[in-house]
Amino acid sequence: MDPQDALLTILGLGAITLLSRAFFLLPRHELPMPPLVRRALKYAPLAALVAIIVPEVVLTRGALIGTWADARLLGAVAAAGWFAWQRGILGTIAVGMLVFLPLRIGLGW
């Protein structure tokens, strides 16, 4: 690919990205949404987070983990337990990492 084609591709992708991300900011008034869609959008951040975290916890090189002796699994269980008890995000992260790091670094899991 010559430099002109590369520049044209980069500018085109930049324009498409800008337009798609600014789509909801361009109208002068709020776009009408059915109540069902509005309610479903409340769960989108949680669904995205779960879609990122769960494969990292339960998969190794694309296959399910084969043992309970895995630092990621125990850290996730501890973090979920803390969240169920306290409902705090910072504590959830701290407890998960406090369980995960000693198992990973200390025991080599």
C-alpha atoms as a PDB file:
ATOM      1  CA  MET A   1       0.000   0.000   0.000  1.00  0.00           C
ATOM      2  CA  ASP A   2       1.459   3.329  -0.956  1.00  0.00           C
ATOM      3  CA  PRO A   3       1.463   6.297   1.458  1.00  0.00           C
ATOM      4  CA  GLN A   4      -1.443   8.059  -0.277  1.00  0.00           C
ATOM      5  CA  ASP A   5      -3.690   5.017   0.074  1.00  0.00           C
ATOM      6  CA  ALA A   6      -2.670   4.624   3.714  1.00  0.00           C
ATOM      7  CA  LEU A   7      -3.462   8.277   4.430  1.00  0.00           C
ATOM      8  CA  LEU A   8      -6.821   8.032   2.662  1.00  0.00           C
ATOM      9  CA  THR A   9      -7.662   4.875   4.628  1.00  0.00           C
ATOM     10  CA  ILE A  10      -6.723   6.477   7.948  1.00  0.00           C
ATOM     11  CA  LEU A  11      -8.772   9.615   7.207  1.00  0.00           C
ATOM     12  CA  GLY A  12     -11.754   7.536   6.065  1.00  0.00           C
ATOM     13  CA  LEU A  13     -11.658   5.349   9.175  1.00  0.00           C
ATOM     14  CA  GLY A  14     -11.317   8.447  11.338  1.00  0.00           C
ATOM     15  CA  ALA A  15     -14.373  10.053   9.712  1.00  0.00           C
ATOM     16  CA  ILE A  16     -16.444   6.887  10.104  1.00  0.00           C
ATOM     17  CA  THR A  17     -15.397   6.572  13.756  1.00  0.00           C
ATOM     18  CA  LEU A  18     -16.203  10.217  14.478  1.00  0.00           C
ATOM     19  CA  LEU A  19     -19.601   9.989  12.813  1.00  0.00           C
ATOM     20  CA  SER A  20     -20.591   6.741  14.516  1.00  0.00           C
ATOM     21  CA  ARG A  21     -19.532   7.958  17.970  1.00  0.00           C
ATOM     22  CA  ALA A  22     -21.143  11.380  17.569  1.00  0.00           C
ATOM     23  CA  PHE A  23     -24.378   9.989  16.115  1.00  0.00           C
ATOM     24  CA  PHE A  24     -26.286  10.468  19.384  1.00  0.00           C
ATOM     25  CA  LEU A  25     -24.887  13.956  19.940  1.00  0.00           C
ATOM     26  CA  LEU A  26     -25.872  15.398  16.548  1.00  0.00           C
ATOM     27  CA  PRO A  27     -29.686  15.645  16.881  1.00  0.00           C
ATOM     28  CA  ARG A  28     -31.029  18.801  18.512  1.00  0.00           C
ATOM     29  CA  HIS A  29     -33.573  16.880  20.575  1.00  0.00           C
ATOM     30  CA  GLU A  30     -33.579  13.498  22.264  1.00  0.00           C
ATOM     31  CA  LEU A  31     -34.237  10.509  20.037  1.00  0.00           C
ATOM     32  CA  PRO A  32     -37.424   8.666  20.987  1.00  0.00           C
ATOM     33  CA  MET A  33     -36.818   5.205  22.440  1.00  0.00           C
ATOM     34  CA  PRO A  34     -39.338   2.600  23.505  1.00  0.00           C
ATOM     35  CA  PRO A  35     -39.410   2.018  27.275  1.00  0.00           C
ATOM     36  CA  LEU A  36     -38.193  -1.563  26.795  1.00  0.00           C
ATOM     37  CA  VAL A  37     -35.038  -0.373  25.002  1.00  0.00           C
ATOM     38  CA  ARG A  38     -34.448   2.349  27.589  1.00  0.00           C
ATOM     39  CA  ARG A  39     -34.733  -0.221  30.400  1.00  0.00           C
ATOM     40  CA  ALA A  40     -32.451  -2.695  28.589  1.00  0.00           C
ATOM     41  CA  LEU A  41     -29.742  -0.047  28.129  1.00  0.00           C
ATOM     42  CA  LYS A  42     -29.383   0.200  31.911  1.00  0.00           C
ATOM     43  CA  TYR A  43     -27.856  -3.296  31.881  1.00  0.00           C
ATOM     44  CA  ALA A  44     -25.463  -2.743  28.949  1.00  0.00           C
ATOM     45  CA  PRO A  45     -22.408  -1.737  31.033  1.00  0.00           C
ATOM     46  CA  LEU A  46     -22.810  -4.764  33.299  1.00  0.00           C
ATOM     47  CA  ALA A  47     -23.246  -7.075  30.319  1.00  0.00           C
ATOM     48  CA  ALA A  48     -20.119  -5.664  28.663  1.00  0.00           C
ATOM     49  CA  LEU A  49     -18.102  -6.092  31.847  1.00  0.00           C
ATOM     50  CA  VAL A  50     -19.248  -9.693  32.270  1.00  0.00           C
ATOM     51  CA  ALA A  51     -18.444 -10.426  28.630  1.00  0.00           C
ATOM     52  CA  ILE A  52     -14.872  -9.250  29.218  1.00  0.00           C
ATOM     53  CA  ILE A  53     -14.199 -10.755  32.650  1.00  0.00           C
ATOM     54  CA  VAL A  54     -15.790 -14.213  32.462  1.00  0.00           C
ATOM     55  CA  PRO A  55     -13.649 -15.541  29.582  1.00  0.00           C
ATOM     56  CA  GLU A  56     -10.510 -14.254  31.338  1.00  0.00           C
ATOM     57  CA  VAL A  57     -11.455 -16.134  34.501  1.00  0.00           C
ATOM     58  CA  VAL A  58     -12.639 -19.476  33.117  1.00  0.00           C
ATOM     59  CA  LEU A  59     -10.530 -19.951  29.969  1.00  0.00           C
ATOM     60  CA  THR A  60      -6.864 -20.745  29.389  1.00  0.00           C
ATOM     61  CA  ARG A  61      -5.694 -20.602  25.773  1.00  0.00           C
ATOM     62  CA  GLY A  62      -9.288 -20.936  24.580  1.00  0.00           C
ATOM     63  CA  ALA A  63     -10.153 -23.994  26.698  1.00  0.00           C
ATOM     64  CA  LEU A  64     -11.954 -24.237  30.027  1.00  0.00           C
ATOM     65  CA  ILE A  65      -9.699 -24.459  33.051  1.00  0.00           C
ATOM     66  CA  GLY A  66      -9.294 -28.029  34.245  1.00  0.00           C
ATOM     67  CA  THR A  67      -8.735 -27.503  37.964  1.00  0.00           C
ATOM     68  CA  TRP A  68     -10.087 -25.571  40.913  1.00  0.00           C
ATOM     69  CA  ALA A  69      -6.494 -24.680  41.827  1.00  0.00           C
ATOM     70  CA  ASP A  70      -6.498 -21.552  39.693  1.00  0.00           C
ATOM     71  CA  ALA A  71      -5.747 -18.147  41.184  1.00  0.00           C
ATOM     72  CA  ARG A  72      -8.147 -16.362  38.810  1.00  0.00           C
ATOM     73  CA  LEU A  73     -11.097 -18.527  39.807  1.00  0.00           C
ATOM     74  CA  LEU A  74     -10.497 -18.207  43.545  1.00  0.00           C
ATOM     75  CA  GLY A  75      -9.919 -14.457  43.244  1.00  0.00           C
ATOM     76  CA  ALA A  76     -13.181 -14.061  41.336  1.00  0.00           C
ATOM     77  CA  VAL A  77     -15.094 -16.130  43.923  1.00  0.00           C
ATOM     78  CA  ALA A  78     -13.642 -14.053  46.770  1.00  0.00           C
ATOM     79  CA  ALA A  79     -14.459 -10.801  44.951  1.00  0.00           C
ATOM     80  CA  ALA A  80     -18.020 -11.945  44.236  1.00  0.00           C
ATOM     81  CA  GLY A  81     -18.457 -12.893  47.891  1.00  0.00           C
ATOM     82  CA  TRP A  82     -17.213  -9.485  49.020  1.00  0.00           C
ATOM     83  CA  PHE A  83     -19.535  -7.719  46.587  1.00  0.00           C
ATOM     84  CA  ALA A  84     -22.521  -9.776  47.780  1.00  0.00           C
ATOM     85  CA  TRP A  85     -21.667  -8.834  51.367  1.00  0.00           C
ATOM     86  CA  GLN A  86     -20.648  -5.157  51.057  1.00  0.00           C
ATOM     87  CA  ARG A  87     -21.836  -3.957  47.605  1.00  0.00           C
ATOM     88  CA  GLY A  88     -18.690  -1.871  47.143  1.00  0.00           C
ATOM     89  CA  ILE A  89     -16.673  -1.807  43.923  1.00  0.00           C
ATOM     90  CA  LEU A  90     -13.326  -0.752  45.417  1.00  0.00           C
ATOM     91  CA  GLY A  91     -13.483  -3.437  48.103  1.00  0.00           C
ATOM     92  CA  THR A  92     -14.444  -6.016  45.484  1.00  0.00           C
ATOM     93  CA  ILE A  93     -11.368  -5.207  43.411  1.00  0.00           C
ATOM     94  CA  ALA A  94      -9.105  -5.133  46.482  1.00  0.00           C
ATOM     95  CA  VAL A  95     -10.325  -8.484  47.859  1.00  0.00           C
ATOM     96  CA  GLY A  96     -10.097 -10.150  44.477  1.00  0.00           C
ATOM     97  CA  MET A  97      -6.516  -8.953  44.031  1.00  0.00           C
ATOM     98  CA  LEU A  98      -5.569  -9.814  47.634  1.00  0.00           C
ATOM     99  CA  VAL A  99      -6.603 -13.410  46.954  1.00  0.00           C
ATOM    100  CA  PHE A 100      -5.299 -13.581  43.381  1.00  0.00           C
ATOM    101  CA  LEU A 101      -1.795 -12.131  43.788  1.00  0.00           C
ATOM    102  CA  PRO A 102      -0.479 -14.368  46.617  1.00  0.00           C
ATOM    103  CA  LEU A 103      -1.808 -17.451  44.838  1.00  0.00           C
ATOM    104  CA  ARG A 104      -0.315 -16.417  41.491  1.00  0.00           C
ATOM    105  CA  ILE A 105       2.997 -15.053  42.752  1.00  0.00           C
ATOM    106  CA  GLY A 106       3.473 -17.164  45.885  1.00  0.00           C
ATOM    107  CA  LEU A 107       2.179 -20.550  44.701  1.00  0.00           C
ATOM    108  CA  GLY A 108       2.621 -20.050  40.980  1.00  0.00           C
ATOM    109  CA  TRP A 109      -0.969 -20.994  40.143  1.00  0.00           C
END
